[in-house]
């Protein structure tokens, strides 16, 4: 009797591993790619004051990235 109960529990556990664990692994891998997308901003150094600024926020002039209009002058 105990052997039958253990066998049923083992079968249910294997069914769980086959069907549900793969879906969880794909969810985890999709979350990793979302985190990588958040850190896709590149920092550039201002040639005047040597501070780093995001490329999205920087002022581009003559192929160089400046942090402000004062540094651009």
C-alpha atoms as a PDB file:
ATOM      1  CA  UNK A   1       0.000   0.000   0.000  1.00  0.00           C
ATOM      2  CA  UNK A   2       2.779   2.421   0.941  1.00  0.00           C
ATOM      3  CA  UNK A   3       4.624   1.531  -2.256  1.00  0.00           C
ATOM      4  CA  UNK A   4       1.567   2.445  -4.360  1.00  0.00           C
ATOM      5  CA  UNK A   5       1.249   5.834  -2.661  1.00  0.00           C
ATOM      6  CA  UNK A   6       4.950   6.559  -3.182  1.00  0.00           C
ATOM      7  CA  UNK A   7       4.691   5.486  -6.824  1.00  0.00           C
ATOM      8  CA  UNK A   8       1.712   7.807  -7.408  1.00  0.00           C
ATOM      9  CA  UNK A   9       3.553  10.697  -5.752  1.00  0.00           C
ATOM     10  CA  UNK A  10       6.616  10.006  -7.906  1.00  0.00           C
ATOM     11  CA  UNK A  11       4.524   9.937 -11.093  1.00  0.00           C
ATOM     12  CA  UNK A  12       2.790  13.198 -10.179  1.00  0.00           C
ATOM     13  CA  UNK A  13       6.166  14.792  -9.422  1.00  0.00           C
ATOM     14  CA  UNK A  14       7.545  13.778 -12.843  1.00  0.00           C
ATOM     15  CA  UNK A  15       4.432  15.130 -14.555  1.00  0.00           C
ATOM     16  CA  UNK A  16       4.957  18.405 -12.710  1.00  0.00           C
ATOM     17  CA  UNK A  17       8.592  18.547 -13.829  1.00  0.00           C
ATOM     18  CA  UNK A  18       7.745  17.836 -17.451  1.00  0.00           C
ATOM     19  CA  UNK A  19       4.876  20.300 -17.906  1.00  0.00           C
ATOM     20  CA  UNK A  20       5.349  23.116 -15.412  1.00  0.00           C
ATOM     21  CA  UNK A  21       9.086  23.493 -14.944  1.00  0.00           C
ATOM     22  CA  UNK A  22       9.719  24.294 -18.623  1.00  0.00           C
ATOM     23  CA  UNK A  23       7.202  27.125 -18.551  1.00  0.00           C
ATOM     24  CA  UNK A  24       8.870  28.590 -15.459  1.00  0.00           C
ATOM     25  CA  UNK A  25      12.293  28.414 -17.114  1.00  0.00           C
ATOM     26  CA  UNK A  26      11.030  30.356 -20.124  1.00  0.00           C
ATOM     27  CA  UNK A  27       9.517  33.003 -17.815  1.00  0.00           C
ATOM     28  CA  UNK A  28      12.815  33.387 -15.978  1.00  0.00           C
ATOM     29  CA  UNK A  29      14.780  33.728 -19.217  1.00  0.00           C
ATOM     30  CA  UNK A  30      12.348  36.366 -20.529  1.00  0.00           C
ATOM     31  CA  UNK A  31      12.810  38.359 -17.299  1.00  0.00           C
ATOM     32  CA  UNK A  32      16.584  38.290 -17.805  1.00  0.00           C
ATOM     33  CA  UNK A  33      16.255  39.794 -21.261  1.00  0.00           C
ATOM     34  CA  UNK A  34      14.041  42.577 -19.883  1.00  0.00           C
ATOM     35  CA  UNK A  35      16.704  43.437 -17.317  1.00  0.00           C
ATOM     36  CA  UNK A  36      19.351  43.568 -20.037  1.00  0.00           C
ATOM     37  CA  UNK A  37      17.196  45.983 -22.046  1.00  0.00           C
ATOM     38  CA  UNK A  38      17.027  48.372 -19.079  1.00  0.00           C
ATOM     39  CA  UNK A  39      20.827  48.686 -18.980  1.00  0.00           C
ATOM     40  CA  UNK A  40      21.279  49.432 -22.657  1.00  0.00           C
ATOM     41  CA  UNK A  41      22.244  53.106 -22.213  1.00  0.00           C
ATOM     42  CA  UNK A  42      25.847  54.002 -23.086  1.00  0.00           C
ATOM     43  CA  UNK A  43      27.811  56.588 -21.135  1.00  0.00           C
ATOM     44  CA  UNK A  44      30.216  58.978 -22.862  1.00  0.00           C
ATOM     45  CA  UNK A  45      32.861  61.222 -21.338  1.00  0.00           C
ATOM     46  CA  UNK A  46      32.583  64.979 -21.836  1.00  0.00           C
ATOM     47  CA  UNK A  47      35.907  66.161 -23.313  1.00  0.00           C
ATOM     48  CA  UNK A  48      35.775  69.470 -21.411  1.00  0.00           C
ATOM     49  CA  UNK A  49      34.935  68.579 -17.804  1.00  0.00           C
ATOM     50  CA  UNK A  50      35.644  64.807 -17.938  1.00  0.00           C
ATOM     51  CA  UNK A  51      32.261  63.810 -16.471  1.00  0.00           C
ATOM     52  CA  UNK A  52      30.208  60.968 -17.907  1.00  0.00           C
ATOM     53  CA  UNK A  53      26.811  61.606 -19.468  1.00  0.00           C
ATOM     54  CA  UNK A  54      24.249  59.360 -21.100  1.00  0.00           C
ATOM     55  CA  UNK A  55      24.286  59.405 -24.900  1.00  0.00           C
ATOM     56  CA  UNK A  56      20.541  60.074 -24.791  1.00  0.00           C
ATOM     57  CA  UNK A  57      21.027  63.234 -22.698  1.00  0.00           C
ATOM     58  CA  UNK A  58      24.303  64.464 -24.230  1.00  0.00           C
ATOM     59  CA  UNK A  59      24.779  67.209 -26.823  1.00  0.00           C
ATOM     60  CA  UNK A  60      26.508  65.890 -29.949  1.00  0.00           C
ATOM     61  CA  UNK A  61      28.871  68.291 -31.705  1.00  0.00           C
ATOM     62  CA  UNK A  62      31.677  67.414 -34.147  1.00  0.00           C
ATOM     63  CA  UNK A  63      31.465  63.733 -33.182  1.00  0.00           C
ATOM     64  CA  UNK A  64      31.957  64.442 -29.462  1.00  0.00           C
ATOM     65  CA  UNK A  65      29.399  64.268 -26.667  1.00  0.00           C
ATOM     66  CA  UNK A  66      29.128  67.237 -24.285  1.00  0.00           C
ATOM     67  CA  UNK A  67      27.256  67.320 -20.990  1.00  0.00           C
ATOM     68  CA  UNK A  68      26.006  70.917 -21.229  1.00  0.00           C
ATOM     69  CA  UNK A  69      25.994  74.030 -23.374  1.00  0.00           C
ATOM     70  CA  UNK A  70      28.684  75.556 -21.157  1.00  0.00           C
ATOM     71  CA  UNK A  71      31.057  72.694 -21.936  1.00  0.00           C
ATOM     72  CA  UNK A  72      30.194  72.967 -25.615  1.00  0.00           C
ATOM     73  CA  UNK A  73      31.469  76.589 -25.787  1.00  0.00           C
END
